[in-house]
Amino acid sequence: MVVDAFVGRHSVGFGVRATALAPSCPDPLPLRSLAPGTINVRMAAVRRLAYEAADSGLLSPELAADIHRVKGVRKLGSRLGNWLTAREASVLWQLPDGQTLTGKRNRAILAILLGWGCAVASLRN
């Protein structure tokens, strides 16, 4: 979908580039309501698809290079949420009783969640 829209705007057919990328494409992806990380992941997939299409001869190398040069969305700010310090994570992990089967299970679950870097709000729910 995104590649079709891009190729429709920037080429007369596969292999014939009509315009330069940057001046004619102020908003390459209509994804304003998504987070910058989500947009960047989708753009990486489009870049990879363009590379594969050019490699198999379905897309001109110049157009694939133009798609590859589209810059990602800048990530601003900091992560939201209350993050645990290493000491707090250690204390939280030691709360379940390590001698019981249920306690061992709970410690394993907490270890996975802490390893993934979950926020405090995620751990409470």
C-alpha atoms as a PDB file:
ATOM      1  CA  MET A   1       0.000   0.000   0.000  1.00  0.00           C
ATOM      2  CA  VAL A   2       2.666   2.502   1.000  1.00  0.00           C
ATOM      3  CA  VAL A   3       5.014   1.336  -1.772  1.00  0.00           C
ATOM      4  CA  ASP A   4       2.219   1.604  -4.359  1.00  0.00           C
ATOM      5  CA  ALA A   5       1.473   5.171  -3.261  1.00  0.00           C
ATOM      6  CA  PHE A   6       5.163   6.058  -3.323  1.00  0.00           C
ATOM      7  CA  VAL A   7       5.780   4.543  -6.746  1.00  0.00           C
ATOM      8  CA  GLY A   8       2.604   6.185  -8.071  1.00  0.00           C
ATOM      9  CA  ARG A   9       3.872   9.601  -7.003  1.00  0.00           C
ATOM     10  CA  HIS A  10       7.487   9.176  -8.030  1.00  0.00           C
ATOM     11  CA  SER A  11       7.615   7.143 -11.207  1.00  0.00           C
ATOM     12  CA  VAL A  12       5.883   6.666 -14.519  1.00  0.00           C
ATOM     13  CA  GLY A  13       6.383   2.924 -14.217  1.00  0.00           C
ATOM     14  CA  PHE A  14       8.805   0.572 -12.629  1.00  0.00           C
ATOM     15  CA  GLY A  15      12.272   1.703 -13.545  1.00  0.00           C
ATOM     16  CA  VAL A  16      11.489   5.277 -14.704  1.00  0.00           C
ATOM     17  CA  ARG A  17      12.014   7.900 -12.035  1.00  0.00           C
ATOM     18  CA  ALA A  18       9.983  11.061 -12.583  1.00  0.00           C
ATOM     19  CA  THR A  19      10.835  13.389  -9.694  1.00  0.00           C
ATOM     20  CA  ALA A  20      13.202  13.815  -6.801  1.00  0.00           C
ATOM     21  CA  LEU A  21      12.007  12.446  -3.518  1.00  0.00           C
ATOM     22  CA  ALA A  22      12.299  15.184  -0.927  1.00  0.00           C
ATOM     23  CA  PRO A  23      10.620  18.238  -2.545  1.00  0.00           C
ATOM     24  CA  SER A  24       7.480  16.450  -3.709  1.00  0.00           C
ATOM     25  CA  CYS A  25       6.902  14.291  -0.662  1.00  0.00           C
ATOM     26  CA  PRO A  26       6.490  16.456   2.461  1.00  0.00           C
ATOM     27  CA  ASP A  27       4.444  13.794   4.269  1.00  0.00           C
ATOM     28  CA  PRO A  28       5.529  10.401   2.872  1.00  0.00           C
ATOM     29  CA  LEU A  29       3.446   8.355   5.291  1.00  0.00           C
ATOM     30  CA  PRO A  30       0.013   9.426   6.500  1.00  0.00           C
ATOM     31  CA  LEU A  31       0.714   8.041   9.951  1.00  0.00           C
ATOM     32  CA  ARG A  32       0.594  11.161  12.102  1.00  0.00           C
ATOM     33  CA  SER A  33      -1.442   9.463  14.832  1.00  0.00           C
ATOM     34  CA  LEU A  34       1.179   6.740  15.382  1.00  0.00           C
ATOM     35  CA  ALA A  35       4.210   6.859  17.640  1.00  0.00           C
ATOM     36  CA  PRO A  36       7.571   7.675  16.031  1.00  0.00           C
ATOM     37  CA  GLY A  37       8.895   4.207  16.808  1.00  0.00           C
ATOM     38  CA  THR A  38       5.948   2.584  15.025  1.00  0.00           C
ATOM     39  CA  ILE A  39       6.429   4.778  11.974  1.00  0.00           C
ATOM     40  CA  ASN A  40      10.159   4.012  11.895  1.00  0.00           C
ATOM     41  CA  VAL A  41       9.521   0.257  12.082  1.00  0.00           C
ATOM     42  CA  ARG A  42       7.060   0.474   9.190  1.00  0.00           C
ATOM     43  CA  MET A  43       9.456   2.605   7.169  1.00  0.00           C
ATOM     44  CA  ALA A  44      12.216   0.050   7.771  1.00  0.00           C
ATOM     45  CA  ALA A  45       9.919  -2.639   6.366  1.00  0.00           C
ATOM     46  CA  VAL A  46       9.197  -0.492   3.298  1.00  0.00           C
ATOM     47  CA  ARG A  47      12.930   0.131   2.813  1.00  0.00           C
ATOM     48  CA  ARG A  48      13.612  -3.597   3.006  1.00  0.00           C
ATOM     49  CA  LEU A  49      10.788  -4.342   0.574  1.00  0.00           C
ATOM     50  CA  ALA A  50      12.171  -1.766  -1.877  1.00  0.00           C
ATOM     51  CA  TYR A  51      15.635  -3.308  -1.572  1.00  0.00           C
ATOM     52  CA  GLU A  52      14.266  -6.797  -2.279  1.00  0.00           C
ATOM     53  CA  ALA A  53      12.148  -5.503  -5.196  1.00  0.00           C
ATOM     54  CA  ALA A  54      15.189  -3.796  -6.730  1.00  0.00           C
ATOM     55  CA  ASP A  55      17.283  -6.914  -6.171  1.00  0.00           C
ATOM     56  CA  SER A  56      14.748  -9.030  -8.055  1.00  0.00           C
ATOM     57  CA  GLY A  57      14.356  -6.490 -10.871  1.00  0.00           C
ATOM     58  CA  LEU A  58      10.837  -5.290 -10.018  1.00  0.00           C
ATOM     59  CA  LEU A  59      12.006  -1.810  -9.010  1.00  0.00           C
ATOM     60  CA  SER A  60      14.757   0.362 -10.410  1.00  0.00           C
ATOM     61  CA  PRO A  61      17.859   0.659  -8.224  1.00  0.00           C
ATOM     62  CA  GLU A  62      17.545   4.466  -8.324  1.00  0.00           C
ATOM     63  CA  LEU A  63      13.998   4.383  -6.941  1.00  0.00           C
ATOM     64  CA  ALA A  64      15.032   1.874  -4.281  1.00  0.00           C
ATOM     65  CA  ALA A  65      17.887   4.200  -3.314  1.00  0.00           C
ATOM     66  CA  ASP A  66      15.432   7.108  -3.095  1.00  0.00           C
ATOM     67  CA  ILE A  67      13.162   5.083  -0.817  1.00  0.00           C
ATOM     68  CA  HIS A  68      16.161   4.090   1.302  1.00  0.00           C
ATOM     69  CA  ARG A  69      17.140   7.765   1.755  1.00  0.00           C
ATOM     70  CA  VAL A  70      13.796   8.747   3.325  1.00  0.00           C
ATOM     71  CA  LYS A  71      14.639   9.714   6.889  1.00  0.00           C
ATOM     72  CA  GLY A  72      12.817   8.274   9.849  1.00  0.00           C
ATOM     73  CA  VAL A  73      10.726  10.230  12.299  1.00  0.00           C
ATOM     74  CA  ARG A  74      12.716  11.812  15.090  1.00  0.00           C
ATOM     75  CA  LYS A  75      12.021  10.472  18.563  1.00  0.00           C
ATOM     76  CA  LEU A  76      11.666  13.243  21.119  1.00  0.00           C
ATOM     77  CA  GLY A  77      11.205  13.221  24.871  1.00  0.00           C
ATOM     78  CA  SER A  78      11.773  10.447  27.318  1.00  0.00           C
ATOM     79  CA  ARG A  79      10.065   7.219  28.210  1.00  0.00           C
ATOM     80  CA  LEU A  80       6.940   7.574  30.268  1.00  0.00           C
ATOM     81  CA  GLY A  81       6.221   5.663  33.422  1.00  0.00           C
ATOM     82  CA  ASN A  82       7.865   5.024  36.749  1.00  0.00           C
ATOM     83  CA  TRP A  83      10.935   2.913  36.106  1.00  0.00           C
ATOM     84  CA  LEU A  84      12.531   0.744  38.773  1.00  0.00           C
ATOM     85  CA  THR A  85      16.111   1.151  39.872  1.00  0.00           C
ATOM     86  CA  ALA A  86      18.323  -1.950  40.011  1.00  0.00           C
ATOM     87  CA  ARG A  87      17.912  -2.072  43.803  1.00  0.00           C
ATOM     88  CA  GLU A  88      14.112  -1.794  43.589  1.00  0.00           C
ATOM     89  CA  ALA A  89      14.010  -4.530  40.948  1.00  0.00           C
ATOM     90  CA  SER A  90      16.103  -6.798  43.163  1.00  0.00           C
ATOM     91  CA  VAL A  91      13.813  -6.207  46.144  1.00  0.00           C
ATOM     92  CA  LEU A  92      10.718  -6.845  44.036  1.00  0.00           C
ATOM     93  CA  TRP A  93      12.178 -10.068  42.640  1.00  0.00           C
ATOM     94  CA  GLN A  94      12.959 -11.343  46.159  1.00  0.00           C
ATOM     95  CA  LEU A  95       9.411 -10.763  47.467  1.00  0.00           C
ATOM     96  CA  PRO A  96       7.951 -14.167  46.459  1.00  0.00           C
ATOM     97  CA  ASP A  97       8.985 -17.094  48.650  1.00  0.00           C
ATOM     98  CA  GLY A  98      11.708 -18.969  46.760  1.00  0.00           C
ATOM     99  CA  GLN A  99      11.053 -22.214  48.696  1.00  0.00           C
ATOM    100  CA  THR A 100       7.525 -22.874  47.387  1.00  0.00           C
ATOM    101  CA  LEU A 101       6.570 -23.908  43.887  1.00  0.00           C
ATOM    102  CA  THR A 102       4.257 -20.908  43.481  1.00  0.00           C
ATOM    103  CA  GLY A 103       6.988 -18.580  44.734  1.00  0.00           C
ATOM    104  CA  LYS A 104       9.481 -20.011  42.238  1.00  0.00           C
ATOM    105  CA  ARG A 105       6.941 -19.522  39.452  1.00  0.00           C
ATOM    106  CA  ASN A 106       6.299 -15.936  40.542  1.00  0.00           C
ATOM    107  CA  ARG A 107      10.021 -15.211  40.677  1.00  0.00           C
ATOM    108  CA  ALA A 108      10.441 -16.593  37.162  1.00  0.00           C
ATOM    109  CA  ILE A 109       7.608 -14.401  35.880  1.00  0.00           C
ATOM    110  CA  LEU A 110       9.070 -11.347  37.630  1.00  0.00           C
ATOM    111  CA  ALA A 111      12.525 -12.107  36.227  1.00  0.00           C
ATOM    112  CA  ILE A 112      11.110 -12.175  32.693  1.00  0.00           C
ATOM    113  CA  LEU A 113       9.134  -8.959  33.218  1.00  0.00           C
ATOM    114  CA  LEU A 114      12.098  -7.172  34.769  1.00  0.00           C
ATOM    115  CA  GLY A 115      14.348  -8.427  31.999  1.00  0.00           C
ATOM    116  CA  TRP A 116      12.006  -6.900  29.432  1.00  0.00           C
ATOM    117  CA  GLY A 117      12.087  -3.608  31.321  1.00  0.00           C
ATOM    118  CA  CYS A 118       8.413  -3.345  32.199  1.00  0.00           C
ATOM    119  CA  ALA A 119       7.226  -0.191  33.941  1.00  0.00           C
ATOM    120  CA  VAL A 120       5.862  -0.279  37.470  1.00  0.00           C
ATOM    121  CA  ALA A 121       2.318   0.274  36.208  1.00  0.00           C
ATOM    122  CA  SER A 122       2.589  -2.841  34.024  1.00  0.00           C
ATOM    123  CA  LEU A 123       3.787  -4.938  36.950  1.00  0.00           C
ATOM    124  CA  ARG A 124       0.920  -3.801  39.183  1.00  0.00           C
ATOM    125  CA  ASN A 125      -1.741  -4.943  36.712  1.00  0.00           C
END
